[in-house]
Amino acid sequence: MMAGLLLAILTYKPIFGEFLNDTVNDSWKPVNLSVLKPKAEKEDSIKGSPRKLITSTTVYSGSDGRKVTEVKTDTLLTESSTRQTIPGSVVYKEKHLPSAMYWKFVALVFCLILYVTMVYGPIAAFLVELFPTRIRYTSMSLPYHIGNGVFGGLVPFIGLLLTTTYPADPLVGLWYPIGVAVLCLIIGTLYLTNKIDKNIKD
């Protein structure tokens, strides 16, 4: 359990950094990709405005198996037929990973699952053996549900709060689960032992 916590603390940021670097929009710009499906345009009128929204969709593919759909939104002035590109309107979606990147992601997700099994696998036996029989049910249930319900349940809220507070770092939300893992590692290293209690009726 302690080894799983330590591995998670050391590698969470690098692993999620790989996910981020390989999937950000800039890395999917169709610089070296060929057009798989020609540009298709759709016009939408804006109520009460002389402008129209022009949505252009183009599908690109690469020799490595990469495929991406580029969606670009422009505004069209109907009176002068002038197009204006909306800043930040180019979106790359429906990304199809190349084979090498796909298997790299599989390996990284496998590592994350391995950390979970290292910590979560032994926890049932660990909690059962941690408390005397007469108080075991309450003593095991209380910390288990506090850990999952409070500390685990607050991950989305605190992660989003950190992201909005420090928007410059897209991975800042990871510091909360890493901090909890550090706390568990310190407490576990200082206070847990592997002594076997031979009196199972205490």
N, C-alpha and C. Protein backbone atom coordinates (compact mmCIF):
# COMPACT_ATOMS: atom_id res chain seq x y z
N MET A 1 0.83 -1.21 0.00
CA MET A 1 0.00 0.00 0.00
C MET A 1 0.86 1.26 0.00
N MET A 2 1.91 1.25 0.81
CA MET A 2 2.80 2.42 0.87
C MET A 2 3.54 2.60 -0.45
N ALA A 3 3.93 1.49 -1.07
CA ALA A 3 4.63 1.57 -2.36
C ALA A 3 3.72 2.16 -3.44
N GLY A 4 2.45 1.75 -3.43
CA GLY A 4 1.50 2.30 -4.40
C GLY A 4 1.30 3.79 -4.22
N LEU A 5 1.21 4.24 -2.97
CA LEU A 5 1.08 5.67 -2.69
C LEU A 5 2.30 6.44 -3.17
N LEU A 6 3.49 5.89 -2.89
CA LEU A 6 4.72 6.56 -3.28
C LEU A 6 4.84 6.67 -4.80
N LEU A 7 4.51 5.60 -5.51
CA LEU A 7 4.57 5.64 -6.97
C LEU A 7 3.59 6.67 -7.54
N ALA A 8 2.39 6.73 -6.95
CA ALA A 8 1.40 7.71 -7.41
C ALA A 8 1.89 9.13 -7.20
N ILE A 9 2.47 9.39 -6.03
CA ILE A 9 2.97 10.73 -5.72
C ILE A 9 4.03 11.16 -6.74
N LEU A 10 4.92 10.24 -7.08
CA LEU A 10 6.05 10.57 -7.95
C LEU A 10 5.67 10.66 -9.43
N THR A 11 4.64 9.94 -9.85
CA THR A 11 4.39 9.82 -11.29
C THR A 11 3.06 10.39 -11.77
N TYR A 12 2.17 10.84 -10.87
CA TYR A 12 0.89 11.38 -11.33
C TYR A 12 1.08 12.55 -12.31
N LYS A 13 1.89 13.52 -11.91
CA LYS A 13 2.09 14.69 -12.77
C LYS A 13 2.71 14.33 -14.12
N PRO A 14 3.78 13.52 -14.16
CA PRO A 14 4.34 13.14 -15.48
C PRO A 14 3.36 12.37 -16.35
N ILE A 15 2.58 11.46 -15.76
CA ILE A 15 1.64 10.65 -16.55
C ILE A 15 0.56 11.54 -17.16
N PHE A 16 -0.07 12.37 -16.35
CA PHE A 16 -1.12 13.24 -16.87
C PHE A 16 -0.54 14.33 -17.76
N GLY A 17 0.73 14.69 -17.54
CA GLY A 17 1.39 15.61 -18.46
C GLY A 17 1.53 15.02 -19.85
N GLU A 18 1.80 13.71 -19.93
CA GLU A 18 1.86 13.04 -21.23
C GLU A 18 0.50 13.07 -21.92
N PHE A 19 -0.56 12.77 -21.17
CA PHE A 19 -1.91 12.83 -21.74
C PHE A 19 -2.19 14.23 -22.30
N LEU A 20 -1.84 15.24 -21.52
CA LEU A 20 -2.11 16.63 -21.91
C LEU A 20 -1.32 17.02 -23.15
N ASN A 21 -0.03 16.74 -23.16
CA ASN A 21 0.84 17.14 -24.27
C ASN A 21 0.45 16.48 -25.59
N ASP A 22 -0.05 15.25 -25.51
CA ASP A 22 -0.40 14.52 -26.73
C ASP A 22 -1.80 14.83 -27.24
N THR A 23 -2.60 15.55 -26.46
CA THR A 23 -3.98 15.79 -26.88
C THR A 23 -4.36 17.26 -26.99
N VAL A 24 -3.45 18.18 -26.66
CA VAL A 24 -3.78 19.60 -26.80
C VAL A 24 -3.98 19.94 -28.28
N ASN A 25 -4.75 20.98 -28.51
CA ASN A 25 -5.11 21.35 -29.88
C ASN A 25 -3.90 21.61 -30.77
N ASP A 26 -2.87 22.26 -30.22
CA ASP A 26 -1.72 22.63 -31.04
C ASP A 26 -1.04 21.41 -31.66
N SER A 27 -1.02 20.31 -30.94
CA SER A 27 -0.35 19.11 -31.46
C SER A 27 -1.18 18.41 -32.54
N TRP A 28 -2.44 18.83 -32.70
CA TRP A 28 -3.30 18.20 -33.70
C TRP A 28 -3.55 19.11 -34.90
N LYS A 29 -2.86 20.23 -34.98
CA LYS A 29 -3.04 21.09 -36.15
C LYS A 29 -2.60 20.33 -37.41
N PRO A 30 -3.44 20.34 -38.45
CA PRO A 30 -3.16 19.52 -39.63
C PRO A 30 -2.04 20.07 -40.51
N VAL A 31 -0.83 20.17 -39.96
CA VAL A 31 0.29 20.69 -40.73
C VAL A 31 0.79 19.66 -41.73
N ASN A 32 1.01 18.43 -41.25
CA ASN A 32 1.53 17.37 -42.11
C ASN A 32 0.47 16.32 -42.44
N LEU A 33 -0.80 16.71 -42.34
CA LEU A 33 -1.89 15.78 -42.60
C LEU A 33 -2.54 16.09 -43.94
N SER A 34 -3.10 15.06 -44.54
CA SER A 34 -3.79 15.23 -45.81
C SER A 34 -5.30 15.27 -45.57
N VAL A 35 -6.01 15.89 -46.51
CA VAL A 35 -7.46 16.03 -46.39
C VAL A 35 -8.13 14.70 -46.69
N LEU A 36 -8.87 14.18 -45.72
CA LEU A 36 -9.61 12.93 -45.92
C LEU A 36 -11.01 13.21 -46.45
N LYS A 37 -11.66 14.22 -45.89
CA LYS A 37 -12.97 14.66 -46.37
C LYS A 37 -12.91 16.15 -46.62
N PRO A 38 -13.30 16.61 -47.81
CA PRO A 38 -13.23 18.05 -48.13
C PRO A 38 -14.06 18.88 -47.18
N LYS A 39 -13.76 20.17 -47.19
CA LYS A 39 -14.45 21.11 -46.30
C LYS A 39 -15.95 21.14 -46.58
N ALA A 40 -16.74 21.03 -45.52
CA ALA A 40 -18.19 21.15 -45.62
C ALA A 40 -18.62 22.35 -44.78
N GLU A 41 -19.44 23.20 -45.35
CA GLU A 41 -19.84 24.43 -44.66
C GLU A 41 -21.33 24.42 -44.35
N LYS A 42 -21.67 25.05 -43.22
CA LYS A 42 -23.07 25.17 -42.82
C LYS A 42 -23.30 26.59 -42.35
N GLU A 43 -24.39 27.20 -42.82
CA GLU A 43 -24.72 28.58 -42.45
C GLU A 43 -25.86 28.59 -41.45
N ASP A 44 -25.71 29.45 -40.44
CA ASP A 44 -26.76 29.64 -39.44
C ASP A 44 -27.00 31.13 -39.27
N SER A 45 -28.25 31.53 -39.38
CA SER A 45 -28.59 32.95 -39.20
C SER A 45 -28.60 33.30 -37.73
N ILE A 46 -28.18 34.53 -37.42
CA ILE A 46 -28.22 35.04 -36.06
C ILE A 46 -29.43 35.96 -35.94
N LYS A 47 -30.34 35.62 -35.05
CA LYS A 47 -31.58 36.36 -34.92
C LYS A 47 -31.32 37.82 -34.57
N GLY A 48 -31.90 38.75 -35.34
CA GLY A 48 -31.77 40.17 -35.08
C GLY A 48 -30.41 40.74 -35.46
N SER A 49 -29.64 40.03 -36.28
CA SER A 49 -28.31 40.51 -36.66
C SER A 49 -28.11 40.29 -38.16
N PRO A 50 -27.37 41.21 -38.81
CA PRO A 50 -27.10 41.03 -40.24
C PRO A 50 -25.99 39.99 -40.50
N ARG A 51 -25.52 39.36 -39.47
CA ARG A 51 -24.44 38.40 -39.62
C ARG A 51 -24.97 36.97 -39.68
N LYS A 52 -24.14 36.11 -40.23
CA LYS A 52 -24.41 34.68 -40.23
C LYS A 52 -23.19 33.95 -39.69
N LEU A 53 -23.43 32.82 -39.05
CA LEU A 53 -22.35 31.96 -38.59
C LEU A 53 -22.07 30.91 -39.66
N ILE A 54 -20.81 30.82 -40.06
CA ILE A 54 -20.38 29.82 -41.05
C ILE A 54 -19.52 28.79 -40.33
N THR A 55 -19.98 27.58 -40.24
CA THR A 55 -19.22 26.50 -39.60
C THR A 55 -18.62 25.62 -40.68
N SER A 56 -17.28 25.57 -40.73
CA SER A 56 -16.57 24.76 -41.72
C SER A 56 -15.99 23.53 -41.04
N THR A 57 -16.25 22.37 -41.62
CA THR A 57 -15.77 21.12 -41.05
C THR A 57 -14.91 20.40 -42.08
N THR A 58 -13.68 20.06 -41.69
CA THR A 58 -12.75 19.36 -42.57
C THR A 58 -12.12 18.20 -41.79
N VAL A 59 -12.05 17.03 -42.41
CA VAL A 59 -11.46 15.85 -41.78
C VAL A 59 -10.08 15.62 -42.38
N TYR A 60 -9.07 15.50 -41.51
CA TYR A 60 -7.70 15.26 -41.95
C TYR A 60 -7.22 13.91 -41.44
N SER A 61 -6.27 13.32 -42.15
CA SER A 61 -5.67 12.06 -41.72
C SER A 61 -4.18 12.08 -42.02
N GLY A 62 -3.44 11.23 -41.30
CA GLY A 62 -2.00 11.15 -41.50
C GLY A 62 -1.56 9.74 -41.79
N SER A 63 -0.33 9.59 -42.23
CA SER A 63 0.21 8.26 -42.58
C SER A 63 0.39 7.37 -41.35
N ASP A 64 0.46 7.98 -40.16
CA ASP A 64 0.64 7.19 -38.94
C ASP A 64 -0.68 6.70 -38.36
N GLY A 65 -1.80 6.97 -39.03
CA GLY A 65 -3.11 6.56 -38.55
C GLY A 65 -3.85 7.65 -37.81
N ARG A 66 -3.21 8.79 -37.63
CA ARG A 66 -3.85 9.91 -36.95
C ARG A 66 -4.99 10.47 -37.80
N LYS A 67 -6.11 10.80 -37.16
CA LYS A 67 -7.24 11.40 -37.86
C LYS A 67 -7.88 12.42 -36.95
N VAL A 68 -8.25 13.57 -37.50
CA VAL A 68 -8.83 14.63 -36.69
C VAL A 68 -9.81 15.44 -37.53
N THR A 69 -10.85 15.93 -36.88
CA THR A 69 -11.83 16.78 -37.54
C THR A 69 -11.63 18.22 -37.07
N GLU A 70 -11.40 19.12 -38.02
CA GLU A 70 -11.21 20.53 -37.71
C GLU A 70 -12.52 21.27 -37.94
N VAL A 71 -12.99 21.95 -36.91
CA VAL A 71 -14.23 22.74 -36.99
C VAL A 71 -13.87 24.20 -36.79
N LYS A 72 -14.16 25.03 -37.79
CA LYS A 72 -13.82 26.44 -37.75
C LYS A 72 -15.09 27.26 -37.92
N THR A 73 -15.25 28.27 -37.07
CA THR A 73 -16.45 29.11 -37.09
C THR A 73 -16.08 30.53 -37.51
N ASP A 74 -16.72 31.04 -38.56
CA ASP A 74 -16.55 32.42 -39.02
C ASP A 74 -17.89 33.13 -38.97
N THR A 75 -17.82 34.45 -38.97
CA THR A 75 -19.04 35.24 -39.13
C THR A 75 -19.04 35.87 -40.52
N LEU A 76 -20.20 35.92 -41.14
CA LEU A 76 -20.33 36.47 -42.50
C LEU A 76 -21.27 37.67 -42.44
N LEU A 77 -20.76 38.81 -42.88
CA LEU A 77 -21.61 40.00 -43.02
C LEU A 77 -22.38 39.86 -44.33
N THR A 78 -23.69 39.70 -44.23
CA THR A 78 -24.49 39.44 -45.42
C THR A 78 -24.49 40.62 -46.38
N GLU A 79 -24.35 41.85 -45.88
CA GLU A 79 -24.41 43.02 -46.75
C GLU A 79 -23.16 43.12 -47.63
N SER A 80 -21.98 42.88 -47.05
CA SER A 80 -20.74 43.03 -47.82
C SER A 80 -20.08 41.71 -48.17
N SER A 81 -20.67 40.61 -47.74
CA SER A 81 -20.11 39.26 -47.97
C SER A 81 -18.69 39.15 -47.42
N THR A 82 -18.42 39.84 -46.30
CA THR A 82 -17.11 39.81 -45.68
C THR A 82 -17.09 38.79 -44.55
N ARG A 83 -16.05 37.95 -44.55
CA ARG A 83 -15.92 36.95 -43.49
C ARG A 83 -14.96 37.44 -42.41
N GLN A 84 -15.32 37.15 -41.18
CA GLN A 84 -14.46 37.46 -40.05
C GLN A 84 -14.32 36.21 -39.19
N THR A 85 -13.08 35.83 -38.93
CA THR A 85 -12.83 34.64 -38.11
C THR A 85 -12.99 34.98 -36.64
N ILE A 86 -13.74 34.17 -35.94
CA ILE A 86 -13.93 34.37 -34.51
C ILE A 86 -12.68 33.87 -33.78
N PRO A 87 -12.06 34.70 -32.94
CA PRO A 87 -10.85 34.25 -32.22
C PRO A 87 -11.12 33.01 -31.37
N GLY A 88 -10.21 32.06 -31.46
CA GLY A 88 -10.34 30.83 -30.68
C GLY A 88 -11.44 29.91 -31.15
N SER A 89 -11.90 30.12 -32.40
CA SER A 89 -13.04 29.33 -32.87
C SER A 89 -12.64 28.02 -33.53
N VAL A 90 -11.34 27.80 -33.76
CA VAL A 90 -10.91 26.56 -34.40
C VAL A 90 -10.80 25.47 -33.34
N VAL A 91 -11.57 24.41 -33.52
CA VAL A 91 -11.60 23.31 -32.57
C VAL A 91 -11.24 22.02 -33.30
N TYR A 92 -10.43 21.20 -32.66
CA TYR A 92 -10.07 19.89 -33.21
C TYR A 92 -10.74 18.82 -32.37
N LYS A 93 -11.60 18.03 -32.99
CA LYS A 93 -12.35 17.02 -32.25
C LYS A 93 -12.33 15.70 -33.02
N GLU A 94 -12.99 14.70 -32.42
CA GLU A 94 -13.04 13.35 -33.01
C GLU A 94 -11.63 12.88 -33.38
N LYS A 95 -10.72 13.03 -32.41
CA LYS A 95 -9.32 12.68 -32.64
C LYS A 95 -9.15 11.16 -32.61
N HIS A 96 -8.52 10.65 -33.64
CA HIS A 96 -8.21 9.22 -33.72
C HIS A 96 -6.71 9.07 -33.54
N LEU A 97 -6.32 8.41 -32.43
CA LEU A 97 -4.91 8.33 -32.09
C LEU A 97 -4.15 7.42 -33.04
N PRO A 98 -2.92 7.77 -33.38
CA PRO A 98 -2.07 6.82 -34.09
C PRO A 98 -1.75 5.63 -33.21
N SER A 99 -1.36 4.53 -33.83
CA SER A 99 -1.17 3.27 -33.09
C SER A 99 -0.18 3.41 -31.95
N ALA A 100 0.98 4.06 -32.19
CA ALA A 100 2.00 4.18 -31.14
C ALA A 100 1.47 4.96 -29.95
N MET A 101 0.74 6.06 -30.22
CA MET A 101 0.20 6.87 -29.13
C MET A 101 -0.89 6.12 -28.38
N TYR A 102 -1.70 5.37 -29.11
CA TYR A 102 -2.77 4.59 -28.49
C TYR A 102 -2.20 3.61 -27.46
N TRP A 103 -1.17 2.85 -27.84
CA TRP A 103 -0.61 1.86 -26.93
C TRP A 103 0.16 2.53 -25.79
N LYS A 104 0.70 3.71 -26.03
CA LYS A 104 1.33 4.44 -24.94
C LYS A 104 0.29 4.84 -23.90
N PHE A 105 -0.88 5.30 -24.37
CA PHE A 105 -1.96 5.66 -23.46
C PHE A 105 -2.46 4.43 -22.69
N VAL A 106 -2.55 3.30 -23.38
CA VAL A 106 -2.97 2.06 -22.71
C VAL A 106 -2.01 1.72 -21.59
N ALA A 107 -0.70 1.85 -21.85
CA ALA A 107 0.31 1.54 -20.83
C ALA A 107 0.22 2.51 -19.65
N LEU A 108 -0.02 3.80 -19.93
CA LEU A 108 -0.12 4.77 -18.85
C LEU A 108 -1.37 4.54 -17.99
N VAL A 109 -2.49 4.22 -18.63
CA VAL A 109 -3.71 3.91 -17.88
C VAL A 109 -3.51 2.64 -17.05
N PHE A 110 -2.79 1.66 -17.61
CA PHE A 110 -2.50 0.43 -16.88
C PHE A 110 -1.70 0.76 -15.61
N CYS A 111 -0.73 1.68 -15.71
CA CYS A 111 0.04 2.09 -14.53
C CYS A 111 -0.87 2.71 -13.48
N LEU A 112 -1.81 3.56 -13.90
CA LEU A 112 -2.72 4.19 -12.94
C LEU A 112 -3.59 3.14 -12.25
N ILE A 113 -4.07 2.16 -13.02
CA ILE A 113 -4.89 1.09 -12.43
C ILE A 113 -4.06 0.24 -11.49
N LEU A 114 -2.79 0.02 -11.84
CA LEU A 114 -1.90 -0.75 -10.98
C LEU A 114 -1.73 -0.08 -9.62
N TYR A 115 -1.60 1.25 -9.62
CA TYR A 115 -1.49 1.97 -8.35
C TYR A 115 -2.76 1.77 -7.50
N VAL A 116 -3.92 1.81 -8.15
CA VAL A 116 -5.17 1.62 -7.43
C VAL A 116 -5.22 0.23 -6.80
N THR A 117 -4.82 -0.78 -7.56
CA THR A 117 -4.88 -2.16 -7.03
C THR A 117 -3.88 -2.35 -5.90
N MET A 118 -2.72 -1.69 -5.98
CA MET A 118 -1.72 -1.82 -4.92
C MET A 118 -2.23 -1.26 -3.60
N VAL A 119 -3.00 -0.18 -3.66
CA VAL A 119 -3.51 0.45 -2.44
C VAL A 119 -4.87 -0.13 -2.06
N TYR A 120 -5.74 -0.29 -3.03
CA TYR A 120 -7.13 -0.66 -2.75
C TYR A 120 -7.30 -2.16 -2.55
N GLY A 121 -6.43 -2.95 -3.18
CA GLY A 121 -6.54 -4.41 -3.05
C GLY A 121 -6.42 -4.89 -1.62
N PRO A 122 -5.36 -4.50 -0.91
CA PRO A 122 -5.18 -5.01 0.46
C PRO A 122 -6.01 -4.30 1.52
N ILE A 123 -6.74 -3.25 1.14
CA ILE A 123 -7.33 -2.39 2.17
C ILE A 123 -8.43 -3.10 2.96
N ALA A 124 -9.16 -4.02 2.35
CA ALA A 124 -10.23 -4.72 3.08
C ALA A 124 -9.63 -5.57 4.20
N ALA A 125 -8.62 -6.38 3.85
CA ALA A 125 -7.97 -7.21 4.87
C ALA A 125 -7.27 -6.34 5.92
N PHE A 126 -6.69 -5.25 5.47
CA PHE A 126 -5.98 -4.35 6.38
C PHE A 126 -6.93 -3.75 7.40
N LEU A 127 -8.10 -3.26 6.96
CA LEU A 127 -9.05 -2.65 7.88
C LEU A 127 -9.64 -3.68 8.84
N VAL A 128 -9.88 -4.90 8.35
CA VAL A 128 -10.44 -5.95 9.20
C VAL A 128 -9.47 -6.29 10.33
N GLU A 129 -8.19 -6.38 10.02
CA GLU A 129 -7.20 -6.79 11.02
C GLU A 129 -6.74 -5.63 11.91
N LEU A 130 -7.16 -4.42 11.57
CA LEU A 130 -6.68 -3.25 12.30
C LEU A 130 -7.38 -3.05 13.64
N PHE A 131 -8.61 -3.55 13.77
CA PHE A 131 -9.41 -3.26 14.95
C PHE A 131 -9.82 -4.53 15.67
N PRO A 132 -10.02 -4.45 16.99
CA PRO A 132 -10.53 -5.61 17.74
C PRO A 132 -11.92 -6.01 17.27
N THR A 133 -12.26 -7.26 17.50
CA THR A 133 -13.52 -7.81 16.97
C THR A 133 -14.74 -7.05 17.48
N ARG A 134 -14.76 -6.66 18.74
CA ARG A 134 -15.96 -6.08 19.34
C ARG A 134 -16.31 -4.71 18.76
N ILE A 135 -15.33 -3.99 18.19
CA ILE A 135 -15.62 -2.67 17.61
C ILE A 135 -15.29 -2.63 16.12
N ARG A 136 -15.05 -3.80 15.54
CA ARG A 136 -14.52 -3.84 14.18
C ARG A 136 -15.48 -3.24 13.16
N TYR A 137 -16.76 -3.55 13.27
CA TYR A 137 -17.72 -3.11 12.24
C TYR A 137 -17.75 -1.58 12.17
N THR A 138 -17.92 -0.92 13.31
CA THR A 138 -17.97 0.55 13.33
C THR A 138 -16.62 1.15 12.98
N SER A 139 -15.57 0.58 13.56
CA SER A 139 -14.23 1.14 13.35
C SER A 139 -13.78 1.02 11.91
N MET A 140 -14.20 -0.03 11.24
CA MET A 140 -13.81 -0.21 9.84
C MET A 140 -14.68 0.66 8.93
N SER A 141 -15.98 0.73 9.23
CA SER A 141 -16.92 1.44 8.37
C SER A 141 -16.69 2.95 8.39
N LEU A 142 -16.41 3.51 9.58
CA LEU A 142 -16.29 4.96 9.72
C LEU A 142 -15.14 5.54 8.89
N PRO A 143 -13.90 5.08 9.07
CA PRO A 143 -12.82 5.66 8.26
C PRO A 143 -12.95 5.35 6.77
N TYR A 144 -13.52 4.18 6.46
CA TYR A 144 -13.69 3.80 5.05
C TYR A 144 -14.61 4.79 4.34
N HIS A 145 -15.72 5.10 4.98
CA HIS A 145 -16.69 5.99 4.33
C HIS A 145 -16.26 7.45 4.41
N ILE A 146 -15.54 7.83 5.45
CA ILE A 146 -14.99 9.19 5.48
C ILE A 146 -13.98 9.36 4.35
N GLY A 147 -13.12 8.36 4.19
CA GLY A 147 -12.11 8.43 3.13
C GLY A 147 -12.72 8.52 1.75
N ASN A 148 -13.69 7.64 1.47
CA ASN A 148 -14.32 7.64 0.15
C ASN A 148 -15.30 8.79 -0.04
N GLY A 149 -16.13 9.04 0.98
CA GLY A 149 -17.17 10.05 0.84
C GLY A 149 -16.67 11.47 0.93
N VAL A 150 -15.81 11.75 1.92
CA VAL A 150 -15.37 13.12 2.14
C VAL A 150 -14.14 13.44 1.29
N PHE A 151 -13.04 12.73 1.53
CA PHE A 151 -11.82 13.02 0.79
C PHE A 151 -11.95 12.70 -0.69
N GLY A 152 -12.55 11.54 -1.00
CA GLY A 152 -12.75 11.19 -2.40
C GLY A 152 -13.84 12.00 -3.07
N GLY A 153 -14.92 12.26 -2.32
CA GLY A 153 -16.03 13.02 -2.91
C GLY A 153 -15.70 14.46 -3.20
N LEU A 154 -14.71 15.01 -2.49
CA LEU A 154 -14.34 16.40 -2.72
C LEU A 154 -13.33 16.59 -3.85
N VAL A 155 -12.87 15.50 -4.44
CA VAL A 155 -11.87 15.62 -5.51
C VAL A 155 -12.38 16.48 -6.67
N PRO A 156 -13.58 16.26 -7.23
CA PRO A 156 -14.03 17.12 -8.34
C PRO A 156 -14.16 18.59 -7.94
N PHE A 157 -14.71 18.84 -6.73
CA PHE A 157 -14.91 20.23 -6.30
C PHE A 157 -13.58 20.95 -6.09
N ILE A 158 -12.68 20.33 -5.32
CA ILE A 158 -11.40 20.99 -5.02
C ILE A 158 -10.53 21.06 -6.26
N GLY A 159 -10.56 20.01 -7.10
CA GLY A 159 -9.79 20.04 -8.34
C GLY A 159 -10.24 21.18 -9.25
N LEU A 160 -11.56 21.37 -9.38
CA LEU A 160 -12.09 22.46 -10.20
C LEU A 160 -11.78 23.82 -9.56
N LEU A 161 -11.85 23.88 -8.24
CA LEU A 161 -11.54 25.13 -7.54
C LEU A 161 -10.08 25.54 -7.77
N LEU A 162 -9.17 24.58 -7.70
CA LEU A 162 -7.76 24.87 -7.95
C LEU A 162 -7.55 25.30 -9.40
N THR A 163 -8.26 24.66 -10.33
CA THR A 163 -8.11 24.99 -11.74
C THR A 163 -8.57 26.42 -12.04
N THR A 164 -9.67 26.83 -11.42
CA THR A 164 -10.16 28.19 -11.64
C THR A 164 -9.33 29.23 -10.89
N THR A 165 -8.71 28.82 -9.77
CA THR A 165 -7.88 29.74 -9.00
C THR A 165 -6.51 29.95 -9.64
N TYR A 166 -5.96 28.87 -10.19
CA TYR A 166 -4.64 28.93 -10.84
C TYR A 166 -4.76 28.42 -12.28
N PRO A 167 -5.37 29.21 -13.16
CA PRO A 167 -5.65 28.74 -14.53
C PRO A 167 -4.40 28.54 -15.38
N ALA A 168 -3.26 29.06 -14.96
CA ALA A 168 -2.04 28.94 -15.78
C ALA A 168 -1.55 27.50 -15.83
N ASP A 169 -1.84 26.72 -14.80
CA ASP A 169 -1.39 25.32 -14.75
C ASP A 169 -2.59 24.40 -14.97
N PRO A 170 -2.70 23.75 -16.13
CA PRO A 170 -3.86 22.89 -16.39
C PRO A 170 -3.89 21.63 -15.53
N LEU A 171 -2.77 21.28 -14.89
CA LEU A 171 -2.72 20.09 -14.05
C LEU A 171 -2.72 20.42 -12.56
N VAL A 172 -3.07 21.65 -12.22
CA VAL A 172 -3.02 22.05 -10.81
C VAL A 172 -4.01 21.26 -9.96
N GLY A 173 -5.09 20.77 -10.55
CA GLY A 173 -6.07 19.98 -9.80
C GLY A 173 -5.53 18.68 -9.25
N LEU A 174 -4.39 18.22 -9.78
CA LEU A 174 -3.79 16.98 -9.30
C LEU A 174 -3.16 17.13 -7.92
N TRP A 175 -2.89 18.37 -7.52
CA TRP A 175 -2.20 18.56 -6.24
C TRP A 175 -3.04 18.10 -5.06
N TYR A 176 -4.36 18.12 -5.18
CA TYR A 176 -5.20 17.65 -4.07
C TYR A 176 -5.05 16.14 -3.85
N PRO A 177 -5.29 15.28 -4.87
CA PRO A 177 -5.09 13.85 -4.63
C PRO A 177 -3.63 13.51 -4.29
N ILE A 178 -2.67 14.25 -4.85
CA ILE A 178 -1.27 14.00 -4.50
C ILE A 178 -1.03 14.36 -3.03
N GLY A 179 -1.62 15.46 -2.58
CA GLY A 179 -1.48 15.86 -1.18
C GLY A 179 -2.07 14.84 -0.23
N VAL A 180 -3.24 14.30 -0.57
CA VAL A 180 -3.85 13.26 0.27
C VAL A 180 -2.97 12.02 0.30
N ALA A 181 -2.41 11.66 -0.85
CA ALA A 181 -1.51 10.49 -0.91
C ALA A 181 -0.26 10.72 -0.06
N VAL A 182 0.29 11.93 -0.08
CA VAL A 182 1.46 12.25 0.74
C VAL A 182 1.12 12.11 2.22
N LEU A 183 -0.04 12.62 2.62
CA LEU A 183 -0.47 12.53 4.01
C LEU A 183 -0.62 11.07 4.44
N CYS A 184 -1.27 10.27 3.60
CA CYS A 184 -1.45 8.84 3.91
C CYS A 184 -0.11 8.11 3.98
N LEU A 185 0.81 8.47 3.10
CA LEU A 185 2.12 7.83 3.10
C LEU A 185 2.88 8.16 4.39
N ILE A 186 2.85 9.41 4.82
CA ILE A 186 3.55 9.80 6.04
C ILE A 186 2.97 9.09 7.26
N ILE A 187 1.63 9.12 7.39
CA ILE A 187 0.98 8.48 8.54
C ILE A 187 1.21 6.97 8.50
N GLY A 188 1.07 6.38 7.30
CA GLY A 188 1.26 4.94 7.19
C GLY A 188 2.67 4.51 7.50
N THR A 189 3.65 5.27 7.05
CA THR A 189 5.05 4.91 7.29
C THR A 189 5.40 5.03 8.77
N LEU A 190 4.83 6.03 9.45
CA LEU A 190 5.17 6.26 10.85
C LEU A 190 4.45 5.31 11.81
N TYR A 191 3.20 4.96 11.47
CA TYR A 191 2.38 4.28 12.47
C TYR A 191 1.98 2.85 12.13
N LEU A 192 2.07 2.43 10.89
CA LEU A 192 1.64 1.07 10.55
C LEU A 192 2.78 0.09 10.75
N THR A 193 2.43 -1.08 11.23
CA THR A 193 3.41 -2.15 11.38
C THR A 193 2.86 -3.43 10.77
N ASN A 194 3.70 -4.44 10.65
CA ASN A 194 3.29 -5.74 10.12
C ASN A 194 3.20 -6.80 11.21
N LYS A 195 3.07 -6.34 12.46
CA LYS A 195 2.96 -7.31 13.56
C LYS A 195 1.67 -8.10 13.44
N ILE A 196 1.74 -9.37 13.72
CA ILE A 196 0.57 -10.24 13.66
C ILE A 196 0.01 -10.42 15.08
N ASP A 197 -1.26 -10.12 15.23
CA ASP A 197 -1.91 -10.30 16.52
C ASP A 197 -2.50 -11.70 16.56
N LYS A 198 -1.91 -12.56 17.39
CA LYS A 198 -2.35 -13.95 17.41
C LYS A 198 -3.68 -14.12 18.16
N ASN A 199 -4.04 -13.15 18.95
CA ASN A 199 -5.32 -13.22 19.68
C ASN A 199 -6.42 -12.66 18.79
N ILE A 200 -7.16 -13.53 18.12
CA ILE A 200 -8.17 -13.08 17.17
C ILE A 200 -9.50 -12.77 17.87
N LYS A 201 -9.58 -12.98 19.18
CA LYS A 201 -10.83 -12.77 19.90
C LYS A 201 -10.80 -11.50 20.74
N ASP A 202 -9.74 -10.70 20.61
CA ASP A 202 -9.68 -9.51 21.46
C ASP A 202 -10.64 -8.42 20.97
